[in-house]
Amino acid sequence: MTGAQAQQGVPLDGLKLSDSKDPVSIDAGKMEVRDKEGIIILTGNVSVKQGDIVLRAGRMQVYTAKTNDGADKAKGGIGGLSGAGLNAGGIDKIVVDGKVYLKSGTQVATGDAGTYDAKAQTMVLTGQKVVLSDGDNIASGCKLIANTQSGKAFLESCKGQSGRVSIILAPKDK
């Protein structure tokens, strides 16, 4: 791939995170709350579930929204984490690494690391091989950018490789 060639990508449908009122379940080996900094660090097979949404990673850092006086914007919860879920007003950003797994409905995305930006409602997964699957349909590349509100996703190829994403589409039953 030459420097003049653009990075290849493909738009996809997928990864819609809901504004569900379902409870949020968080499991981890350890949790550290840095309340003054607005950071919650979860380590050890972290799993977050809400409805049919599952996010797993080896490590997760949750950055909570703070007001100018340092108070949490979200009321209740732990360290500003409210019960409103991944789109909660109390969360600014979530950073995950260590074999990231994200499931939303029938769709699954995996990668090495990821960042969820609550304001932009965007999840970015990166890695040597990022995979987005829906049943037997599979797309892979090195960077997945998904708008969690609209459900639209964009998969980019790996730099320095053939400059292509790989897609396998299973035929529909007749």
Protein backbone atom coordinates (compact mmCIF):
# COMPACT_ATOMS: atom_id res chain seq x y z
CA MET A 1 0.00 0.00 0.00
CA THR A 2 1.48 3.33 -0.99
CA GLY A 3 1.16 6.52 1.02
CA ALA A 4 -1.18 7.96 -1.62
CA GLN A 5 -3.72 5.16 -1.22
CA ALA A 6 -6.58 5.81 1.18
CA GLN A 7 -7.31 3.43 4.02
CA GLN A 8 -9.98 0.98 2.89
CA GLY A 9 -13.18 0.65 4.87
CA VAL A 10 -16.67 -0.74 4.62
CA PRO A 11 -19.89 0.59 6.17
CA LEU A 12 -21.85 -2.00 8.15
CA ASP A 13 -25.02 -2.20 10.16
CA GLY A 14 -24.48 -3.14 13.75
CA LEU A 15 -23.77 -2.53 17.40
CA LYS A 16 -26.72 -0.54 18.61
CA LEU A 17 -26.59 0.06 22.35
CA SER A 18 -29.95 0.89 23.80
CA ASP A 19 -31.21 3.49 26.25
CA SER A 20 -32.64 0.56 28.15
CA LYS A 21 -33.95 0.98 31.66
CA ASP A 22 -32.83 -2.60 32.42
CA PRO A 23 -30.49 -2.90 35.39
CA VAL A 24 -26.75 -2.84 34.74
CA SER A 25 -24.81 -5.80 36.13
CA ILE A 26 -21.04 -5.38 36.57
CA ASP A 27 -18.71 -8.20 37.61
CA ALA A 28 -14.94 -7.92 38.01
CA GLY A 29 -12.06 -9.34 40.01
CA LYS A 30 -11.26 -5.93 41.50
CA MET A 31 -12.69 -2.43 41.45
CA GLU A 32 -10.87 0.81 42.32
CA VAL A 33 -12.84 4.04 42.63
CA ARG A 34 -10.92 7.31 42.27
CA ASP A 35 -13.85 9.55 43.10
CA LYS A 36 -11.97 12.86 43.04
CA GLU A 37 -10.60 12.05 39.57
CA GLY A 38 -13.90 10.63 38.34
CA ILE A 39 -12.34 7.28 37.37
CA ILE A 40 -13.45 3.74 38.12
CA ILE A 41 -10.95 0.99 37.26
CA LEU A 42 -12.22 -2.58 36.92
CA THR A 43 -9.81 -5.48 36.39
CA GLY A 44 -9.96 -9.25 36.22
CA ASN A 45 -12.41 -10.64 33.65
CA VAL A 46 -14.68 -7.60 33.65
CA SER A 47 -18.24 -8.19 32.48
CA VAL A 48 -20.94 -5.53 32.07
CA LYS A 49 -24.46 -6.60 31.12
CA GLN A 50 -27.63 -4.64 30.43
CA GLY A 51 -30.52 -6.35 28.70
CA ASP A 52 -29.10 -8.15 25.67
CA ILE A 53 -25.90 -6.06 25.70
CA VAL A 54 -22.72 -7.64 27.05
CA LEU A 55 -19.27 -5.99 27.25
CA ARG A 56 -16.31 -8.08 28.47
CA ALA A 57 -12.66 -7.15 28.79
CA GLY A 58 -9.60 -7.85 30.90
CA ARG A 59 -9.56 -4.24 32.14
CA MET A 60 -12.05 -1.38 32.01
CA GLN A 61 -11.60 2.27 32.96
CA VAL A 62 -14.81 4.27 33.34
CA TYR A 63 -14.44 8.06 33.27
CA THR A 64 -17.43 9.72 34.90
CA ALA A 65 -18.73 13.17 34.02
CA LYS A 66 -17.85 15.90 36.53
CA THR A 67 -19.21 19.40 36.95
CA ASN A 68 -16.92 22.42 37.39
CA ASP A 69 -17.06 22.04 41.17
CA GLY A 70 -15.92 18.40 40.90
CA ALA A 71 -19.30 16.91 41.77
CA ASP A 72 -20.65 13.97 39.81
CA LYS A 73 -23.31 14.86 37.24
CA ALA A 74 -25.02 11.55 37.90
CA LYS A 75 -26.78 11.08 41.20
CA GLY A 76 -26.59 7.79 43.01
CA GLY A 77 -24.68 4.71 41.97
CA ILE A 78 -21.00 4.11 42.67
CA GLY A 79 -18.53 6.85 41.81
CA GLY A 80 -21.06 8.57 39.55
CA LEU A 81 -22.17 5.40 37.75
CA SER A 82 -25.93 5.67 37.64
CA GLY A 83 -28.35 2.94 36.72
CA ALA A 84 -29.02 4.46 33.29
CA GLY A 85 -26.58 2.15 31.51
CA LEU A 86 -23.86 2.71 28.94
CA ASN A 87 -25.56 5.84 27.63
CA ALA A 88 -25.82 7.23 31.17
CA GLY A 89 -25.37 10.95 31.68
CA GLY A 90 -22.77 10.15 34.34
CA ILE A 91 -20.31 8.47 31.95
CA ASP A 92 -17.93 10.41 29.71
CA LYS A 93 -15.79 7.59 28.36
CA ILE A 94 -15.07 3.89 28.82
CA VAL A 95 -11.65 2.48 27.86
CA VAL A 96 -11.27 -1.30 27.61
CA ASP A 97 -8.41 -3.63 26.78
CA GLY A 98 -7.43 -7.25 27.14
CA LYS A 99 -9.50 -9.23 24.64
CA VAL A 100 -12.59 -7.07 24.24
CA TYR A 101 -15.93 -8.75 23.51
CA LEU A 102 -19.07 -6.73 22.77
CA LYS A 103 -22.44 -8.37 22.08
CA SER A 104 -25.57 -6.44 21.13
CA GLY A 105 -28.54 -8.56 20.12
CA THR A 106 -27.34 -11.06 17.51
CA GLN A 107 -24.18 -9.10 16.71
CA VAL A 108 -20.77 -9.67 18.27
CA ALA A 109 -17.64 -7.55 17.92
CA THR A 110 -14.20 -8.50 19.22
CA GLY A 111 -10.84 -6.73 19.33
CA ASP A 112 -7.77 -6.08 21.45
CA ALA A 113 -8.80 -2.67 22.84
CA GLY A 114 -11.65 -0.20 22.64
CA THR A 115 -13.01 3.18 23.62
CA TYR A 116 -16.62 4.19 24.12
CA ASP A 117 -17.28 7.94 23.88
CA ALA A 118 -20.64 8.62 25.55
CA LYS A 119 -21.06 12.14 24.15
CA ALA A 120 -20.42 11.05 20.55
CA GLN A 121 -22.14 7.70 21.22
CA THR A 122 -19.29 5.98 19.42
CA MET A 123 -17.53 2.70 20.15
CA VAL A 124 -14.11 2.17 18.55
CA LEU A 125 -12.52 -1.29 18.62
CA THR A 126 -8.95 -1.83 17.45
CA GLY A 127 -6.57 -4.76 17.21
CA GLN A 128 -4.57 -7.10 15.03
CA LYS A 129 -7.90 -8.62 14.00
CA VAL A 130 -11.19 -6.90 14.78
CA VAL A 131 -14.20 -9.05 13.94
CA LEU A 132 -17.86 -8.08 13.61
CA SER A 133 -20.26 -10.97 13.19
CA ASP A 134 -24.01 -11.42 12.92
CA GLY A 135 -24.84 -15.11 12.74
CA ASP A 136 -22.83 -16.61 9.88
CA ASN A 137 -22.01 -13.17 8.40
CA ILE A 138 -18.48 -12.11 9.39
CA ALA A 139 -16.45 -8.96 8.66
CA SER A 140 -12.87 -8.44 9.84
CA GLY A 141 -10.30 -5.66 9.73
CA CYS A 142 -8.22 -3.75 12.27
CA LYS A 143 -10.50 -0.88 13.35
CA LEU A 144 -14.25 -0.81 13.88
CA ILE A 145 -16.04 2.48 14.47
CA ALA A 146 -19.68 2.05 15.50
CA ASN A 147 -22.26 4.71 16.28
CA THR A 148 -24.17 3.10 19.11
CA GLN A 149 -27.25 5.28 18.64
CA SER A 150 -27.82 4.76 14.91
CA GLY A 151 -26.34 1.27 14.79
CA LYS A 152 -24.11 2.19 11.81
CA ALA A 153 -20.60 0.77 11.81
CA PHE A 154 -17.49 1.32 9.67
CA LEU A 155 -14.70 -1.26 9.44
CA GLU A 156 -11.20 -0.25 8.34
CA SER A 157 -8.45 -2.44 6.95
CA CYS A 158 -5.08 -2.93 8.58
CA LYS A 159 -2.30 -0.49 7.79
CA GLY A 160 0.66 -2.05 6.02
CA GLN A 161 -1.33 -5.06 4.86
CA SER A 162 -3.24 -5.60 1.63
CA GLY A 163 -5.47 -2.60 2.40
CA ARG A 164 -8.62 -4.66 2.37
CA VAL A 165 -11.26 -5.80 4.81
CA SER A 166 -12.55 -9.35 4.71
CA ILE A 167 -16.27 -10.11 4.57
CA ILE A 168 -18.03 -13.48 4.50
CA LEU A 169 -21.78 -13.32 3.81
CA ALA A 170 -23.84 -16.46 4.34
CA PRO A 171 -26.64 -17.08 1.85
CA LYS A 172 -30.15 -16.63 3.21
CA ASP A 173 -32.45 -19.66 3.39
CA LYS A 174 -34.90 -19.86 0.51
